[in-house]
Structure formats: C-alpha cells, structure tokens
Amino acid sequence: MKRFAFISLIGAGLMITGLGAQEIQKRKENQQDRIAQGVKSGELTAGETANLEHKEARVNREIRHDRAKNGGTLTPKERRQINRQQNRLSRQIYRDKHNARKQ
C-alpha cells in the first residue's frame, strides 16, 4: 500500500511538471497570436510590436536558460516567476492594442 501511494505521488508530480511546461508553451503561442492579430488589424504600431517581441524573446531566453540550468525542467519558483512575467506581457499587449495609436 505504501509503495502504491509513493508511486502515485511521483506520477502526479511528473504530470504537474508536464502540465506546467505545456501551459507555458500554450501561453507563449497564445500571446504570439494576439500580437500577430494586433499587427494584422492595425491596432499595434511597428514600435509597439518590436517592443512586445523583444520582451517575449527575453522571457523565452530566460525559460531556456532556467531549463538548461535545471536539466530540462523549471523549479516551482521559476514557474511562478515566468507566470508573473507572462502576466505582465499579457497586460502590455492589451494596453498597446487598446490605446489610441493605430498603424
């Protein structure tokens, strides 16, 4: 019984780790789509787009660096930090798309 509980706990931990990576990737793709839609509709200027792309690239570099440092995974602290950065970037995308500037 103890062995089953231990194996179940390890399995659940692996699933959570996997979901975290999938979640980060899905969110990156979603934000990239939002930027592309803003460019297509003219809601984002060239400068705003370049700024958002630069910030997105910085977050992506940090993810790659953290994963390389930890053998391909992110620690819970790093995942929280990445989530905060993605939240900030999401708010910036919204603000830039909804300001008065048009292309």
N, C-alpha and C. Protein backbone atom coordinates (compact mmCIF):
# COMPACT_ATOMS: atom_id res chain seq x y z
N MET A 1 0.83 -1.19 0.00
CA MET A 1 0.00 0.00 0.00
C MET A 1 0.87 1.25 0.00
N LYS A 2 1.91 1.28 0.84
CA LYS A 2 2.79 2.44 0.88
C LYS A 2 3.49 2.64 -0.45
N ARG A 3 3.87 1.52 -1.07
CA ARG A 3 4.57 1.59 -2.35
C ARG A 3 3.66 2.20 -3.42
N PHE A 4 2.39 1.79 -3.44
CA PHE A 4 1.43 2.33 -4.40
C PHE A 4 1.25 3.84 -4.19
N ALA A 5 1.14 4.26 -2.95
CA ALA A 5 0.96 5.68 -2.64
C ALA A 5 2.18 6.47 -3.09
N PHE A 6 3.36 5.93 -2.87
CA PHE A 6 4.59 6.60 -3.27
C PHE A 6 4.67 6.74 -4.78
N ILE A 7 4.36 5.66 -5.50
CA ILE A 7 4.39 5.68 -6.96
C ILE A 7 3.34 6.65 -7.51
N SER A 8 2.18 6.66 -6.90
CA SER A 8 1.12 7.59 -7.32
C SER A 8 1.55 9.03 -7.13
N LEU A 9 2.21 9.30 -6.00
CA LEU A 9 2.68 10.65 -5.71
C LEU A 9 3.72 11.09 -6.73
N ILE A 10 4.63 10.21 -7.08
CA ILE A 10 5.65 10.53 -8.08
C ILE A 10 4.99 10.77 -9.44
N GLY A 11 4.05 9.91 -9.81
CA GLY A 11 3.34 10.08 -11.07
C GLY A 11 2.60 11.40 -11.15
N ALA A 12 1.94 11.78 -10.07
CA ALA A 12 1.22 13.04 -10.03
C ALA A 12 2.19 14.21 -10.16
N GLY A 13 3.34 14.12 -9.53
CA GLY A 13 4.35 15.16 -9.63
C GLY A 13 4.86 15.32 -11.05
N LEU A 14 5.06 14.21 -11.73
CA LEU A 14 5.50 14.27 -13.12
C LEU A 14 4.44 14.88 -14.02
N MET A 15 3.18 14.56 -13.77
CA MET A 15 2.09 15.13 -14.56
C MET A 15 2.00 16.64 -14.35
N ILE A 16 2.14 17.07 -13.12
CA ILE A 16 2.08 18.50 -12.82
C ILE A 16 3.21 19.22 -13.52
N THR A 17 4.42 18.65 -13.47
CA THR A 17 5.56 19.26 -14.13
C THR A 17 5.31 19.35 -15.63
N GLY A 18 4.78 18.28 -16.22
CA GLY A 18 4.48 18.28 -17.64
C GLY A 18 3.43 19.30 -18.01
N LEU A 19 2.40 19.42 -17.19
CA LEU A 19 1.36 20.40 -17.46
C LEU A 19 1.91 21.81 -17.38
N GLY A 20 2.84 22.05 -16.47
CA GLY A 20 3.43 23.37 -16.36
C GLY A 20 4.15 23.76 -17.64
N ALA A 21 4.89 22.83 -18.22
CA ALA A 21 5.62 23.10 -19.45
C ALA A 21 4.64 23.31 -20.61
N GLN A 22 3.59 22.48 -20.67
CA GLN A 22 2.59 22.64 -21.72
C GLN A 22 1.85 23.96 -21.58
N GLU A 23 1.56 24.32 -20.35
CA GLU A 23 0.87 25.57 -20.08
C GLU A 23 1.69 26.77 -20.53
N ILE A 24 2.98 26.76 -20.22
CA ILE A 24 3.87 27.84 -20.62
C ILE A 24 3.92 27.95 -22.13
N GLN A 25 4.07 26.81 -22.81
CA GLN A 25 4.15 26.80 -24.27
C GLN A 25 2.84 27.30 -24.89
N LYS A 26 1.73 26.84 -24.38
CA LYS A 26 0.42 27.26 -24.90
C LYS A 26 0.24 28.77 -24.74
N ARG A 27 0.66 29.27 -23.60
CA ARG A 27 0.51 30.69 -23.35
C ARG A 27 1.41 31.52 -24.26
N LYS A 28 2.64 31.02 -24.50
CA LYS A 28 3.54 31.71 -25.43
C LYS A 28 2.91 31.80 -26.81
N GLU A 29 2.33 30.69 -27.26
CA GLU A 29 1.69 30.67 -28.58
C GLU A 29 0.49 31.61 -28.62
N ASN A 30 -0.31 31.63 -27.56
CA ASN A 30 -1.48 32.49 -27.50
C ASN A 30 -1.07 33.97 -27.56
N GLN A 31 -0.05 34.33 -26.81
CA GLN A 31 0.38 35.72 -26.80
C GLN A 31 0.97 36.11 -28.16
N GLN A 32 1.68 35.19 -28.78
CA GLN A 32 2.23 35.45 -30.12
C GLN A 32 1.09 35.67 -31.11
N ASP A 33 0.03 34.87 -30.99
CA ASP A 33 -1.14 35.03 -31.85
C ASP A 33 -1.82 36.39 -31.62
N ARG A 34 -1.89 36.81 -30.37
CA ARG A 34 -2.50 38.11 -30.06
C ARG A 34 -1.71 39.25 -30.67
N ILE A 35 -0.37 39.15 -30.62
CA ILE A 35 0.48 40.17 -31.23
C ILE A 35 0.26 40.19 -32.74
N ALA A 36 0.27 39.01 -33.36
CA ALA A 36 0.07 38.92 -34.81
C ALA A 36 -1.28 39.49 -35.22
N GLN A 37 -2.32 39.21 -34.44
CA GLN A 37 -3.65 39.74 -34.74
C GLN A 37 -3.65 41.26 -34.63
N GLY A 38 -2.93 41.79 -33.64
CA GLY A 38 -2.85 43.24 -33.48
C GLY A 38 -2.14 43.91 -34.64
N VAL A 39 -1.12 43.26 -35.17
CA VAL A 39 -0.41 43.80 -36.34
C VAL A 39 -1.34 43.77 -37.55
N LYS A 40 -2.02 42.65 -37.75
CA LYS A 40 -2.90 42.47 -38.90
C LYS A 40 -4.04 43.49 -38.89
N SER A 41 -4.60 43.75 -37.71
CA SER A 41 -5.73 44.67 -37.62
C SER A 41 -5.30 46.14 -37.57
N GLY A 42 -4.01 46.38 -37.39
CA GLY A 42 -3.52 47.75 -37.31
C GLY A 42 -3.59 48.34 -35.91
N GLU A 43 -3.97 47.52 -34.92
CA GLU A 43 -4.06 48.02 -33.54
C GLU A 43 -2.69 48.24 -32.93
N LEU A 44 -1.66 47.55 -33.44
CA LEU A 44 -0.30 47.70 -32.93
C LEU A 44 0.56 48.43 -33.97
N THR A 45 1.30 49.42 -33.51
CA THR A 45 2.24 50.10 -34.39
C THR A 45 3.50 49.26 -34.51
N ALA A 46 4.37 49.64 -35.42
CA ALA A 46 5.63 48.90 -35.61
C ALA A 46 6.48 48.97 -34.35
N GLY A 47 6.52 50.10 -33.69
CA GLY A 47 7.31 50.26 -32.47
C GLY A 47 6.76 49.42 -31.33
N GLU A 48 5.44 49.42 -31.18
CA GLU A 48 4.82 48.61 -30.14
C GLU A 48 5.08 47.12 -30.38
N THR A 49 4.98 46.72 -31.65
CA THR A 49 5.22 45.32 -31.99
C THR A 49 6.65 44.93 -31.68
N ALA A 50 7.59 45.77 -32.06
CA ALA A 50 9.01 45.47 -31.80
C ALA A 50 9.27 45.36 -30.31
N ASN A 51 8.67 46.26 -29.53
CA ASN A 51 8.85 46.24 -28.09
C ASN A 51 8.28 44.96 -27.48
N LEU A 52 7.08 44.57 -27.91
CA LEU A 52 6.46 43.35 -27.39
C LEU A 52 7.26 42.11 -27.79
N GLU A 53 7.73 42.07 -29.03
CA GLU A 53 8.53 40.94 -29.50
C GLU A 53 9.84 40.83 -28.71
N HIS A 54 10.43 41.98 -28.40
CA HIS A 54 11.67 42.00 -27.62
C HIS A 54 11.42 41.44 -26.21
N LYS A 55 10.34 41.85 -25.60
CA LYS A 55 10.01 41.36 -24.26
C LYS A 55 9.70 39.87 -24.28
N GLU A 56 8.99 39.42 -25.31
CA GLU A 56 8.66 38.00 -25.46
C GLU A 56 9.95 37.19 -25.62
N ALA A 57 10.87 37.69 -26.41
CA ALA A 57 12.15 36.99 -26.62
C ALA A 57 12.94 36.90 -25.32
N ARG A 58 12.89 37.95 -24.51
CA ARG A 58 13.61 37.95 -23.23
C ARG A 58 13.05 36.87 -22.30
N VAL A 59 11.72 36.74 -22.24
CA VAL A 59 11.10 35.70 -21.41
C VAL A 59 11.48 34.32 -21.93
N ASN A 60 11.47 34.15 -23.25
CA ASN A 60 11.83 32.86 -23.84
C ASN A 60 13.28 32.49 -23.56
N ARG A 61 14.18 33.46 -23.61
CA ARG A 61 15.59 33.21 -23.27
C ARG A 61 15.74 32.78 -21.82
N GLU A 62 14.99 33.44 -20.95
CA GLU A 62 15.05 33.10 -19.53
C GLU A 62 14.55 31.67 -19.29
N ILE A 63 13.47 31.30 -19.98
CA ILE A 63 12.95 29.93 -19.84
C ILE A 63 14.01 28.92 -20.29
N ARG A 64 14.61 29.16 -21.47
CA ARG A 64 15.64 28.24 -21.97
C ARG A 64 16.82 28.16 -21.00
N HIS A 65 17.25 29.30 -20.48
CA HIS A 65 18.37 29.33 -19.55
C HIS A 65 18.05 28.55 -18.27
N ASP A 66 16.86 28.79 -17.71
CA ASP A 66 16.47 28.10 -16.48
C ASP A 66 16.35 26.60 -16.69
N ARG A 67 15.79 26.21 -17.83
CA ARG A 67 15.67 24.77 -18.11
C ARG A 67 17.04 24.13 -18.30
N ALA A 68 17.95 24.81 -18.98
CA ALA A 68 19.29 24.26 -19.18
C ALA A 68 20.02 24.11 -17.85
N LYS A 69 19.78 25.05 -16.96
CA LYS A 69 20.42 25.03 -15.65
C LYS A 69 19.90 23.89 -14.78
N ASN A 70 18.62 23.50 -14.99
CA ASN A 70 17.99 22.50 -14.12
C ASN A 70 17.71 21.18 -14.82
N GLY A 71 18.44 20.86 -15.84
CA GLY A 71 18.26 19.57 -16.50
C GLY A 71 16.96 19.45 -17.28
N GLY A 72 16.46 20.53 -17.85
CA GLY A 72 15.28 20.47 -18.69
C GLY A 72 13.97 20.79 -18.01
N THR A 73 13.98 21.09 -16.73
CA THR A 73 12.74 21.43 -16.03
C THR A 73 12.85 22.79 -15.37
N LEU A 74 11.71 23.30 -14.96
CA LEU A 74 11.67 24.54 -14.20
C LEU A 74 11.27 24.23 -12.77
N THR A 75 11.89 24.92 -11.84
CA THR A 75 11.50 24.76 -10.45
C THR A 75 10.17 25.48 -10.24
N PRO A 76 9.43 25.16 -9.18
CA PRO A 76 8.18 25.88 -8.91
C PRO A 76 8.39 27.39 -8.80
N LYS A 77 9.49 27.81 -8.21
CA LYS A 77 9.77 29.24 -8.09
C LYS A 77 9.97 29.87 -9.47
N GLU A 78 10.68 29.16 -10.35
CA GLU A 78 10.90 29.68 -11.70
C GLU A 78 9.60 29.73 -12.49
N ARG A 79 8.74 28.71 -12.31
CA ARG A 79 7.44 28.72 -12.99
C ARG A 79 6.59 29.91 -12.54
N ARG A 80 6.62 30.20 -11.23
CA ARG A 80 5.86 31.37 -10.73
C ARG A 80 6.41 32.66 -11.34
N GLN A 81 7.73 32.75 -11.41
CA GLN A 81 8.36 33.95 -11.97
C GLN A 81 8.00 34.11 -13.45
N ILE A 82 8.06 33.02 -14.20
CA ILE A 82 7.70 33.06 -15.62
C ILE A 82 6.24 33.45 -15.77
N ASN A 83 5.39 32.91 -14.92
CA ASN A 83 3.96 33.24 -14.97
C ASN A 83 3.74 34.73 -14.73
N ARG A 84 4.44 35.29 -13.76
CA ARG A 84 4.32 36.73 -13.49
C ARG A 84 4.77 37.55 -14.70
N GLN A 85 5.88 37.13 -15.31
CA GLN A 85 6.37 37.85 -16.49
C GLN A 85 5.39 37.74 -17.65
N GLN A 86 4.80 36.57 -17.83
CA GLN A 86 3.81 36.41 -18.89
C GLN A 86 2.56 37.22 -18.59
N ASN A 87 2.18 37.35 -17.32
CA ASN A 87 1.05 38.20 -16.95
C ASN A 87 1.33 39.65 -17.32
N ARG A 88 2.54 40.12 -17.00
CA ARG A 88 2.91 41.50 -17.33
C ARG A 88 2.87 41.72 -18.84
N LEU A 89 3.42 40.77 -19.59
CA LEU A 89 3.44 40.88 -21.03
C LEU A 89 2.02 40.87 -21.59
N SER A 90 1.16 40.05 -21.04
CA SER A 90 -0.24 39.99 -21.48
C SER A 90 -0.92 41.34 -21.26
N ARG A 91 -0.71 41.95 -20.11
CA ARG A 91 -1.30 43.27 -19.84
C ARG A 91 -0.75 44.32 -20.81
N GLN A 92 0.54 44.23 -21.13
CA GLN A 92 1.16 45.17 -22.06
C GLN A 92 0.56 45.01 -23.47
N ILE A 93 0.35 43.77 -23.88
CA ILE A 93 -0.28 43.52 -25.18
C ILE A 93 -1.66 44.17 -25.20
N TYR A 94 -2.44 43.95 -24.15
CA TYR A 94 -3.78 44.53 -24.07
C TYR A 94 -3.72 46.05 -24.14
N ARG A 95 -2.85 46.66 -23.33
CA ARG A 95 -2.75 48.13 -23.31
C ARG A 95 -2.35 48.68 -24.68
N ASP A 96 -1.37 48.03 -25.31
CA ASP A 96 -0.91 48.52 -26.61
C ASP A 96 -1.99 48.36 -27.68
N LYS A 97 -2.75 47.27 -27.62
CA LYS A 97 -3.80 47.07 -28.61
C LYS A 97 -4.98 48.01 -28.42
N HIS A 98 -5.18 48.49 -27.20
CA HIS A 98 -6.36 49.30 -26.91
C HIS A 98 -6.04 50.78 -26.68
N ASN A 99 -4.83 51.20 -26.98
CA ASN A 99 -4.54 52.63 -26.88
C ASN A 99 -4.98 53.32 -28.17
N ALA A 100 -4.81 54.61 -28.25
CA ALA A 100 -5.31 55.38 -29.39
C ALA A 100 -4.41 55.26 -30.62
N ARG A 101 -3.23 54.70 -30.46
CA ARG A 101 -2.30 54.62 -31.60
C ARG A 101 -2.75 53.56 -32.59
N LYS A 102 -2.72 53.92 -33.86
CA LYS A 102 -3.06 52.98 -34.94
C LYS A 102 -1.95 53.01 -35.97
N GLN A 103 -1.83 51.93 -36.68
CA GLN A 103 -0.80 51.85 -37.71
C GLN A 103 -1.29 52.51 -38.96
